[in-house]
Amino acid sequence: MAEHKLVDGIQIPLSAEEIAQRETEAATWAAGAFNRTLASLRARRNALLSATDYLALSDNTLSTPMLTYRQNLRDITNGLSTVDQINAVTWPIKP
């Protein structure tokens, strides 16, 4: 099926150059899926760490479970190399 564009309400077939440009844009978008997904994971991880930062102040002593929780959050991106791995991450449970 030919791809079209709408110009002044009229469907016009795309030129070979326009089709190639769209395919390049689609490939570029698909290639960035890992980085976008990883950035989303890191944003969530950072928010969870921030929510417990007050516990790590110098006048507090962190409990062992909280130390483990925070370390697990920091380590959550280790070894991830595919979007499927990122989507399958098991989040640690806050003590």
PDB file of N, CA and C in Angstrom:
ATOM      1  N   MET A   1       0.846  -1.177   0.000  1.00  0.00           N
ATOM      2  CA  MET A   1       0.000   0.000   0.000  1.00  0.00           C
ATOM      3  C   MET A   1       0.889   1.238   0.000  1.00  0.00           C
ATOM      4  N   ALA A   2       0.591   2.150  -0.887  1.00  0.00           N
ATOM      5  CA  ALA A   2       1.381   3.371  -0.997  1.00  0.00           C
ATOM      6  C   ALA A   2       1.094   4.300   0.174  1.00  0.00           C
ATOM      7  N   GLU A   3       2.124   4.977   0.611  1.00  0.00           N
ATOM      8  CA  GLU A   3       1.960   5.954   1.676  1.00  0.00           C
ATOM      9  C   GLU A   3       1.579   7.291   1.055  1.00  0.00           C
ATOM     10  N   HIS A   4       0.767   8.011   1.796  1.00  0.00           N
ATOM     11  CA  HIS A   4       0.266   9.291   1.296  1.00  0.00           C
ATOM     12  C   HIS A   4       0.499  10.391   2.311  1.00  0.00           C
ATOM     13  N   LYS A   5       0.408  11.606   1.823  1.00  0.00           N
ATOM     14  CA  LYS A   5       0.373  12.776   2.692  1.00  0.00           C
ATOM     15  C   LYS A   5      -0.847  13.571   2.295  1.00  0.00           C
ATOM     16  N   LEU A   6      -1.335  14.370   3.192  1.00  0.00           N
ATOM     17  CA  LEU A   6      -2.517  15.177   2.952  1.00  0.00           C
ATOM     18  C   LEU A   6      -2.083  16.616   2.717  1.00  0.00           C
ATOM     19  N   VAL A   7      -2.376  17.135   1.536  1.00  0.00           N
ATOM     20  CA  VAL A   7      -2.038  18.518   1.199  1.00  0.00           C
ATOM     21  C   VAL A   7      -3.310  19.204   0.742  1.00  0.00           C
ATOM     22  N   ASP A   8      -3.732  20.208   1.501  1.00  0.00           N
ATOM     23  CA  ASP A   8      -4.963  20.938   1.206  1.00  0.00           C
ATOM     24  C   ASP A   8      -6.157  20.003   1.025  1.00  0.00           C
ATOM     25  N   GLY A   9      -6.212  18.977   1.860  1.00  0.00           N
ATOM     26  CA  GLY A   9      -7.327  18.051   1.824  1.00  0.00           C
ATOM     27  C   GLY A   9      -7.246  16.998   0.733  1.00  0.00           C
ATOM     28  N   ILE A  10      -6.138  16.953   0.010  1.00  0.00           N
ATOM     29  CA  ILE A  10      -5.990  15.993  -1.090  1.00  0.00           C
ATOM     30  C   ILE A  10      -4.870  15.020  -0.727  1.00  0.00           C
ATOM     31  N   GLN A  11      -5.141  13.723  -0.901  1.00  0.00           N
ATOM     32  CA  GLN A  11      -4.117  12.718  -0.644  1.00  0.00           C
ATOM     33  C   GLN A  11      -3.151  12.666  -1.825  1.00  0.00           C
ATOM     34  N   ILE A  12      -1.880  12.804  -1.494  1.00  0.00           N
ATOM     35  CA  ILE A  12      -0.824  12.770  -2.515  1.00  0.00           C
ATOM     36  C   ILE A  12       0.160  11.677  -2.119  1.00  0.00           C
ATOM     37  N   PRO A  13       0.504  10.796  -3.059  1.00  0.00           N
ATOM     38  CA  PRO A  13       1.476   9.754  -2.728  1.00  0.00           C
ATOM     39  C   PRO A  13       2.827  10.371  -2.355  1.00  0.00           C
ATOM     40  N   LEU A  14       3.492   9.733  -1.388  1.00  0.00           N
ATOM     41  CA  LEU A  14       4.821  10.189  -0.996  1.00  0.00           C
ATOM     42  C   LEU A  14       5.827   9.811  -2.071  1.00  0.00           C
ATOM     43  N   SER A  15       6.814  10.658  -2.230  1.00  0.00           N
ATOM     44  CA  SER A  15       7.898  10.339  -3.157  1.00  0.00           C
ATOM     45  C   SER A  15       8.799   9.289  -2.518  1.00  0.00           C
ATOM     46  N   ALA A  16       9.646   8.680  -3.302  1.00  0.00           N
ATOM     47  CA  ALA A  16      10.591   7.683  -2.788  1.00  0.00           C
ATOM     48  C   ALA A  16      11.484   8.316  -1.728  1.00  0.00           C
ATOM     49  N   GLU A  17      11.865   9.564  -1.940  1.00  0.00           N
ATOM     50  CA  GLU A  17      12.708  10.267  -0.968  1.00  0.00           C
ATOM     51  C   GLU A  17      11.973  10.469   0.358  1.00  0.00           C
ATOM     52  N   GLU A  18      10.694  10.822   0.299  1.00  0.00           N
ATOM     53  CA  GLU A  18       9.903  11.023   1.513  1.00  0.00           C
ATOM     54  C   GLU A  18       9.688   9.698   2.251  1.00  0.00           C
ATOM     55  N   ILE A  19       9.478   8.635   1.503  1.00  0.00           N
ATOM     56  CA  ILE A  19       9.330   7.308   2.121  1.00  0.00           C
ATOM     57  C   ILE A  19      10.630   6.908   2.812  1.00  0.00           C
ATOM     58  N   ALA A  20      11.757   7.130   2.144  1.00  0.00           N
ATOM     59  CA  ALA A  20      13.056   6.799   2.737  1.00  0.00           C
ATOM     60  C   ALA A  20      13.285   7.611   4.005  1.00  0.00           C
ATOM     61  N   GLN A  21      12.906   8.883   3.989  1.00  0.00           N
ATOM     62  CA  GLN A  21      13.072   9.735   5.165  1.00  0.00           C
ATOM     63  C   GLN A  21      12.222   9.211   6.325  1.00  0.00           C
ATOM     64  N   ARG A  22      10.977   8.824   6.044  1.00  0.00           N
ATOM     65  CA  ARG A  22      10.117   8.282   7.104  1.00  0.00           C
ATOM     66  C   ARG A  22      10.690   6.988   7.663  1.00  0.00           C
ATOM     67  N   GLU A  23      11.216   6.135   6.796  1.00  0.00           N
ATOM     68  CA  GLU A  23      11.807   4.876   7.257  1.00  0.00           C
ATOM     69  C   GLU A  23      13.033   5.136   8.122  1.00  0.00           C
ATOM     70  N   THR A  24      13.825   6.131   7.754  1.00  0.00           N
ATOM     71  CA  THR A  24      14.997   6.497   8.557  1.00  0.00           C
ATOM     72  C   THR A  24      14.567   7.015   9.922  1.00  0.00           C
ATOM     73  N   GLU A  25      13.540   7.849   9.944  1.00  0.00           N
ATOM     74  CA  GLU A  25      13.032   8.375  11.213  1.00  0.00           C
ATOM     75  C   GLU A  25      12.484   7.257  12.089  1.00  0.00           C
ATOM     76  N   ALA A  26      11.771   6.299  11.492  1.00  0.00           N
ATOM     77  CA  ALA A  26      11.221   5.174  12.250  1.00  0.00           C
ATOM     78  C   ALA A  26      12.343   4.308  12.813  1.00  0.00           C
ATOM     79  N   ALA A  27      13.389   4.082  12.019  1.00  0.00           N
ATOM     80  CA  ALA A  27      14.517   3.273  12.482  1.00  0.00           C
ATOM     81  C   ALA A  27      15.255   3.981  13.611  1.00  0.00           C
ATOM     82  N   THR A  28      15.418   5.289  13.501  1.00  0.00           N
ATOM     83  CA  THR A  28      16.084   6.069  14.546  1.00  0.00           C
ATOM     84  C   THR A  28      15.277   6.012  15.837  1.00  0.00           C
ATOM     85  N   TRP A  29      13.969   6.131  15.720  1.00  0.00           N
ATOM     86  CA  TRP A  29      13.098   6.054  16.905  1.00  0.00           C
ATOM     87  C   TRP A  29      13.210   4.678  17.550  1.00  0.00           C
ATOM     88  N   ALA A  30      13.161   3.629  16.758  1.00  0.00           N
ATOM     89  CA  ALA A  30      13.252   2.267  17.288  1.00  0.00           C
ATOM     90  C   ALA A  30      14.609   2.028  17.947  1.00  0.00           C
ATOM     91  N   ALA A  31      15.673   2.572  17.362  1.00  0.00           N
ATOM     92  CA  ALA A  31      17.015   2.385  17.920  1.00  0.00           C
ATOM     93  C   ALA A  31      17.160   3.063  19.279  1.00  0.00           C
ATOM     94  N   GLY A  32      16.373   4.079  19.536  1.00  0.00           N
ATOM     95  CA  GLY A  32      16.451   4.797  20.806  1.00  0.00           C
ATOM     96  C   GLY A  32      15.573   4.215  21.896  1.00  0.00           C
ATOM     97  N   ALA A  33      14.887   3.122  21.619  1.00  0.00           N
ATOM     98  CA  ALA A  33      13.954   2.540  22.592  1.00  0.00           C
ATOM     99  C   ALA A  33      14.666   2.152  23.889  1.00  0.00           C
ATOM    100  N   PHE A  34      15.842   1.552  23.791  1.00  0.00           N
ATOM    101  CA  PHE A  34      16.568   1.131  24.987  1.00  0.00           C
ATOM    102  C   PHE A  34      16.902   2.338  25.851  1.00  0.00           C
ATOM    103  N   ASN A  35      17.439   3.385  25.246  1.00  0.00           N
ATOM    104  CA  ASN A  35      17.833   4.570  26.023  1.00  0.00           C
ATOM    105  C   ASN A  35      16.629   5.251  26.662  1.00  0.00           C
ATOM    106  N   ARG A  36      15.493   5.311  25.949  1.00  0.00           N
ATOM    107  CA  ARG A  36      14.295   5.927  26.527  1.00  0.00           C
ATOM    108  C   ARG A  36      13.770   5.102  27.702  1.00  0.00           C
ATOM    109  N   THR A  37      13.761   3.784  27.541  1.00  0.00           N
ATOM    110  CA  THR A  37      13.260   2.912  28.598  1.00  0.00           C
ATOM    111  C   THR A  37      14.171   2.952  29.815  1.00  0.00           C
ATOM    112  N   LEU A  38      15.484   2.965  29.576  1.00  0.00           N
ATOM    113  CA  LEU A  38      16.444   3.038  30.680  1.00  0.00           C
ATOM    114  C   LEU A  38      16.321   4.374  31.422  1.00  0.00           C
ATOM    115  N   ALA A  39      16.117   5.445  30.677  1.00  0.00           N
ATOM    116  CA  ALA A  39      15.947   6.761  31.309  1.00  0.00           C
ATOM    117  C   ALA A  39      14.704   6.777  32.196  1.00  0.00           C
ATOM    118  N   SER A  40      13.651   6.119  31.756  1.00  0.00           N
ATOM    119  CA  SER A  40      12.430   6.040  32.554  1.00  0.00           C
ATOM    120  C   SER A  40      12.668   5.242  33.833  1.00  0.00           C
ATOM    121  N   LEU A  41      13.381   4.138  33.712  1.00  0.00           N
ATOM    122  CA  LEU A  41      13.712   3.324  34.882  1.00  0.00           C
ATOM    123  C   LEU A  41      14.554   4.129  35.871  1.00  0.00           C
ATOM    124  N   ARG A  42      15.555   4.832  35.361  1.00  0.00           N
ATOM    125  CA  ARG A  42      16.420   5.633  36.232  1.00  0.00           C
ATOM    126  C   ARG A  42      15.643   6.742  36.927  1.00  0.00           C
ATOM    127  N   ALA A  43      14.689   7.342  36.229  1.00  0.00           N
ATOM    128  CA  ALA A  43      13.886   8.409  36.835  1.00  0.00           C
ATOM    129  C   ALA A  43      13.077   7.862  38.010  1.00  0.00           C
ATOM    130  N   ARG A  44      12.489   6.684  37.814  1.00  0.00           N
ATOM    131  CA  ARG A  44      11.722   6.072  38.913  1.00  0.00           C
ATOM    132  C   ARG A  44      12.653   5.696  40.065  1.00  0.00           C
ATOM    133  N   ARG A  45      13.790   5.099  39.726  1.00  0.00           N
ATOM    134  CA  ARG A  45      14.773   4.718  40.747  1.00  0.00           C
ATOM    135  C   ARG A  45      15.221   5.937  41.545  1.00  0.00           C
ATOM    136  N   ASN A  46      15.526   7.032  40.842  1.00  0.00           N
ATOM    137  CA  ASN A  46      15.986   8.250  41.511  1.00  0.00           C
ATOM    138  C   ASN A  46      14.914   8.827  42.435  1.00  0.00           C
ATOM    139  N   ALA A  47      13.672   8.737  42.005  1.00  0.00           N
ATOM    140  CA  ALA A  47      12.581   9.229  42.855  1.00  0.00           C
ATOM    141  C   ALA A  47      12.469   8.389  44.124  1.00  0.00           C
ATOM    142  N   LEU A  48      12.616   7.070  43.984  1.00  0.00           N
ATOM    143  CA  LEU A  48      12.552   6.198  45.165  1.00  0.00           C
ATOM    144  C   LEU A  48      13.728   6.451  46.102  1.00  0.00           C
ATOM    145  N   LEU A  49      14.904   6.685  45.547  1.00  0.00           N
ATOM    146  CA  LEU A  49      16.060   7.017  46.384  1.00  0.00           C
ATOM    147  C   LEU A  49      15.854   8.366  47.086  1.00  0.00           C
ATOM    148  N   SER A  50      15.344   9.329  46.352  1.00  0.00           N
ATOM    149  CA  SER A  50      15.111  10.655  46.936  1.00  0.00           C
ATOM    150  C   SER A  50      14.130  10.602  48.098  1.00  0.00           C
ATOM    151  N   ALA A  51      13.166   9.698  47.981  1.00  0.00           N
ATOM    152  CA  ALA A  51      12.158   9.576  49.032  1.00  0.00           C
ATOM    153  C   ALA A  51      12.751   9.062  50.342  1.00  0.00           C
ATOM    154  N   THR A  52      13.941   8.465  50.279  1.00  0.00           N
ATOM    155  CA  THR A  52      14.569   7.958  51.504  1.00  0.00           C
ATOM    156  C   THR A  52      15.866   8.690  51.836  1.00  0.00           C
ATOM    157  N   ASP A  53      16.189   9.719  51.089  1.00  0.00           N
ATOM    158  CA  ASP A  53      17.429  10.461  51.349  1.00  0.00           C
ATOM    159  C   ASP A  53      17.483  11.044  52.762  1.00  0.00           C
ATOM    160  N   TYR A  54      16.353  11.479  53.268  1.00  0.00           N
ATOM    161  CA  TYR A  54      16.349  12.087  54.600  1.00  0.00           C
ATOM    162  C   TYR A  54      16.820  11.096  55.669  1.00  0.00           C
ATOM    163  N   LEU A  55      16.667   9.811  55.386  1.00  0.00           N
ATOM    164  CA  LEU A  55      17.101   8.795  56.347  1.00  0.00           C
ATOM    165  C   LEU A  55      18.620   8.639  56.362  1.00  0.00           C
ATOM    166  N   ALA A  56      19.265   9.098  55.297  1.00  0.00           N
ATOM    167  CA  ALA A  56      20.710   8.912  55.172  1.00  0.00           C
ATOM    168  C   ALA A  56      21.497  10.142  55.612  1.00  0.00           C
ATOM    169  N   LEU A  57      20.848  11.078  56.282  1.00  0.00           N
ATOM    170  CA  LEU A  57      21.552  12.255  56.783  1.00  0.00           C
ATOM    171  C   LEU A  57      22.548  11.856  57.865  1.00  0.00           C
ATOM    172  N   SER A  58      23.525  12.704  58.075  1.00  0.00           N
ATOM    173  CA  SER A  58      24.604  12.358  59.000  1.00  0.00           C
ATOM    174  C   SER A  58      24.139  12.128  60.440  1.00  0.00           C
ATOM    175  N   ASP A  59      22.999  12.683  60.815  1.00  0.00           N
ATOM    176  CA  ASP A  59      22.545  12.497  62.197  1.00  0.00           C
ATOM    177  C   ASP A  59      21.636  11.276  62.349  1.00  0.00           C
ATOM    178  N   ASN A  60      21.462  10.492  61.285  1.00  0.00           N
ATOM    179  CA  ASN A  60      20.664   9.263  61.334  1.00  0.00           C
ATOM    180  C   ASN A  60      21.550   8.056  61.062  1.00  0.00           C
ATOM    181  N   THR A  61      21.180   6.959  61.647  1.00  0.00           N
ATOM    182  CA  THR A  61      21.848   5.697  61.348  1.00  0.00           C
ATOM    183  C   THR A  61      20.849   4.829  60.595  1.00  0.00           C
ATOM    184  N   LEU A  62      21.224   4.451  59.379  1.00  0.00           N
ATOM    185  CA  LEU A  62      20.322   3.637  58.574  1.00  0.00           C
ATOM    186  C   LEU A  62      20.287   2.207  59.093  1.00  0.00           C
ATOM    187  N   SER A  63      19.097   1.641  59.094  1.00  0.00           N
ATOM    188  CA  SER A  63      18.966   0.228  59.462  1.00  0.00           C
ATOM    189  C   SER A  63      19.535  -0.621  58.326  1.00  0.00           C
ATOM    190  N   THR A  64      19.898  -1.833  58.646  1.00  0.00           N
ATOM    191  CA  THR A  64      20.440  -2.739  57.634  1.00  0.00           C
ATOM    192  C   THR A  64      19.441  -2.968  56.489  1.00  0.00           C
ATOM    193  N   PRO A  65      18.147  -3.190  56.777  1.00  0.00           N
ATOM    194  CA  PRO A  65      17.199  -3.356  55.667  1.00  0.00           C
ATOM    195  C   PRO A  65      17.129  -2.115  54.763  1.00  0.00           C
ATOM    196  N   MET A  66      17.206  -0.917  55.363  1.00  0.00           N
ATOM    197  CA  MET A  66      17.154   0.300  54.556  1.00  0.00           C
ATOM    198  C   MET A  66      18.435   0.457  53.736  1.00  0.00           C
ATOM    199  N   LEU A  67      19.577   0.123  54.318  1.00  0.00           N
ATOM    200  CA  LEU A  67      20.831   0.150  53.563  1.00  0.00           C
ATOM    201  C   LEU A  67      20.755  -0.792  52.369  1.00  0.00           C
ATOM    202  N   THR A  68      20.234  -1.982  52.590  1.00  0.00           N
ATOM    203  CA  THR A  68      20.103  -2.977  51.526  1.00  0.00           C
ATOM    204  C   THR A  68      19.143  -2.490  50.450  1.00  0.00           C
ATOM    205  N   TYR A  69      18.007  -1.924  50.855  1.00  0.00           N
ATOM    206  CA  TYR A  69      17.019  -1.391  49.919  1.00  0.00           C
ATOM    207  C   TYR A  69      17.639  -0.316  49.025  1.00  0.00           C
ATOM    208  N   ARG A  70      18.320   0.630  49.633  1.00  0.00           N
ATOM    209  CA  ARG A  70      18.926   1.721  48.864  1.00  0.00           C
ATOM    210  C   ARG A  70      20.027   1.194  47.942  1.00  0.00           C
ATOM    211  N   GLN A  71      20.816   0.230  48.394  1.00  0.00           N
ATOM    212  CA  GLN A  71      21.855  -0.337  47.539  1.00  0.00           C
ATOM    213  C   GLN A  71      21.231  -1.095  46.367  1.00  0.00           C
ATOM    214  N   ASN A  72      20.157  -1.834  46.629  1.00  0.00           N
ATOM    215  CA  ASN A  72      19.466  -2.543  45.549  1.00  0.00           C
ATOM    216  C   ASN A  72      18.913  -1.570  44.510  1.00  0.00           C
ATOM    217  N   LEU A  73      18.412  -0.420  44.958  1.00  0.00           N
ATOM    218  CA  LEU A  73      17.947   0.596  44.014  1.00  0.00           C
ATOM    219  C   LEU A  73      19.105   1.123  43.170  1.00  0.00           C
ATOM    220  N   ARG A  74      20.232   1.386  43.807  1.00  0.00           N
ATOM    221  CA  ARG A  74      21.391   1.892  43.059  1.00  0.00           C
ATOM    222  C   ARG A  74      21.900   0.865  42.052  1.00  0.00           C
ATOM    223  N   ASP A  75      21.774  -0.415  42.387  1.00  0.00           N
ATOM    224  CA  ASP A  75      22.289  -1.481  41.524  1.00  0.00           C
ATOM    225  C   ASP A  75      21.290  -1.955  40.472  1.00  0.00           C
ATOM    226  N   ILE A  76      20.098  -1.393  40.454  1.00  0.00           N
ATOM    227  CA  ILE A  76      19.014  -1.932  39.622  1.00  0.00           C
ATOM    228  C   ILE A  76      19.315  -1.878  38.118  1.00  0.00           C
ATOM    229  N   THR A  77      20.180  -0.981  37.695  1.00  0.00           N
ATOM    230  CA  THR A  77      20.488  -0.879  36.261  1.00  0.00           C
ATOM    231  C   THR A  77      21.656  -1.769  35.839  1.00  0.00           C
ATOM    232  N   ASN A  78      22.326  -2.389  36.794  1.00  0.00           N
ATOM    233  CA  ASN A  78      23.479  -3.234  36.465  1.00  0.00           C
ATOM    234  C   ASN A  78      23.068  -4.412  35.592  1.00  0.00           C
ATOM    235  N   GLY A  79      23.797  -4.616  34.506  1.00  0.00           N
ATOM    236  CA  GLY A  79      23.586  -5.779  33.649  1.00  0.00           C
ATOM    237  C   GLY A  79      22.427  -5.680  32.686  1.00  0.00           C
ATOM    238  N   LEU A  80      21.742  -4.562  32.641  1.00  0.00           N
ATOM    239  CA  LEU A  80      20.608  -4.420  31.721  1.00  0.00           C
ATOM    240  C   LEU A  80      21.113  -4.066  30.328  1.00  0.00           C
ATOM    241  N   SER A  81      20.685  -4.848  29.321  1.00  0.00           N
ATOM    242  CA  SER A  81      21.154  -4.576  27.968  1.00  0.00           C
ATOM    243  C   SER A  81      20.042  -4.615  26.926  1.00  0.00           C
ATOM    244  N   THR A  82      18.815  -4.929  27.353  1.00  0.00           N
ATOM    245  CA  THR A  82      17.693  -4.937  26.411  1.00  0.00           C
ATOM    246  C   THR A  82      16.476  -4.279  27.055  1.00  0.00           C
ATOM    247  N   VAL A  83      15.563  -3.865  26.208  1.00  0.00           N
ATOM    248  CA  VAL A  83      14.309  -3.274  26.692  1.00  0.00           C
ATOM    249  C   VAL A  83      13.526  -4.306  27.497  1.00  0.00           C
ATOM    250  N   ASP A  84      13.528  -5.554  27.043  1.00  0.00           N
ATOM    251  CA  ASP A  84      12.798  -6.601  27.768  1.00  0.00           C
ATOM    252  C   ASP A  84      13.358  -6.790  29.179  1.00  0.00           C
ATOM    253  N   GLN A  85      14.675  -6.723  29.332  1.00  0.00           N
ATOM    254  CA  GLN A  85      15.270  -6.841  30.665  1.00  0.00           C
ATOM    255  C   GLN A  85      14.837  -5.679  31.553  1.00  0.00           C
ATOM    256  N   ILE A  86      14.816  -4.491  30.991  1.00  0.00           N
ATOM    257  CA  ILE A  86      14.392  -3.322  31.768  1.00  0.00           C
ATOM    258  C   ILE A  86      12.936  -3.476  32.197  1.00  0.00           C
ATOM    259  N   ASN A  87      12.089  -3.911  31.270  1.00  0.00           N
ATOM    260  CA  ASN A  87      10.666  -4.071  31.588  1.00  0.00           C
ATOM    261  C   ASN A  87      10.418  -5.186  32.593  1.00  0.00           C
ATOM    262  N   ALA A  88      11.358  -6.106  32.729  1.00  0.00           N
ATOM    263  CA  ALA A  88      11.198  -7.234  33.648  1.00  0.00           C
ATOM    264  C   ALA A  88      11.842  -6.986  35.016  1.00  0.00           C
ATOM    265  N   VAL A  89      12.344  -5.784  35.247  1.00  0.00           N
ATOM    266  CA  VAL A  89      13.006  -5.465  36.518  1.00  0.00           C
ATOM    267  C   VAL A  89      12.040  -5.672  37.678  1.00  0.00           C
ATOM    268  N   THR A  90      12.538  -6.300  38.716  1.00  0.00           N
ATOM    269  CA  THR A  90      11.769  -6.475  39.948  1.00  0.00           C
ATOM    270  C   THR A  90      12.267  -5.420  40.931  1.00  0.00           C
ATOM    271  N   TRP A  91      11.347  -4.545  41.331  1.00  0.00           N
ATOM    272  CA  TRP A  91      11.715  -3.460  42.229  1.00  0.00           C
ATOM    273  C   TRP A  91      11.817  -3.964  43.657  1.00  0.00           C
ATOM    274  N   PRO A  92      12.841  -3.516  44.396  1.00  0.00           N
ATOM    275  CA  PRO A  92      12.947  -3.909  45.801  1.00  0.00           C
ATOM    276  C   PRO A  92      11.794  -3.271  46.596  1.00  0.00           C
ATOM    277  N   ILE A  93      11.447  -3.926  47.677  1.00  0.00           N
ATOM    278  CA  ILE A  93      10.339  -3.432  48.530  1.00  0.00           C
ATOM    279  C   ILE A  93      10.936  -2.631  49.678  1.00  0.00           C
ATOM    280  N   LYS A  94      10.384  -1.441  49.840  1.00  0.00           N
ATOM    281  CA  LYS A  94      10.869  -0.557  50.902  1.00  0.00           C
ATOM    282  C   LYS A  94      10.549  -1.155  52.269  1.00  0.00           C
ATOM    283  N   PRO A  95      11.558  -1.228  53.135  1.00  0.00           N
ATOM    284  CA  PRO A  95      11.307  -1.801  54.465  1.00  0.00           C
ATOM    285  C   PRO A  95      10.457  -0.879  55.337  1.00  0.00           C
TER     286      PRO A  95
END
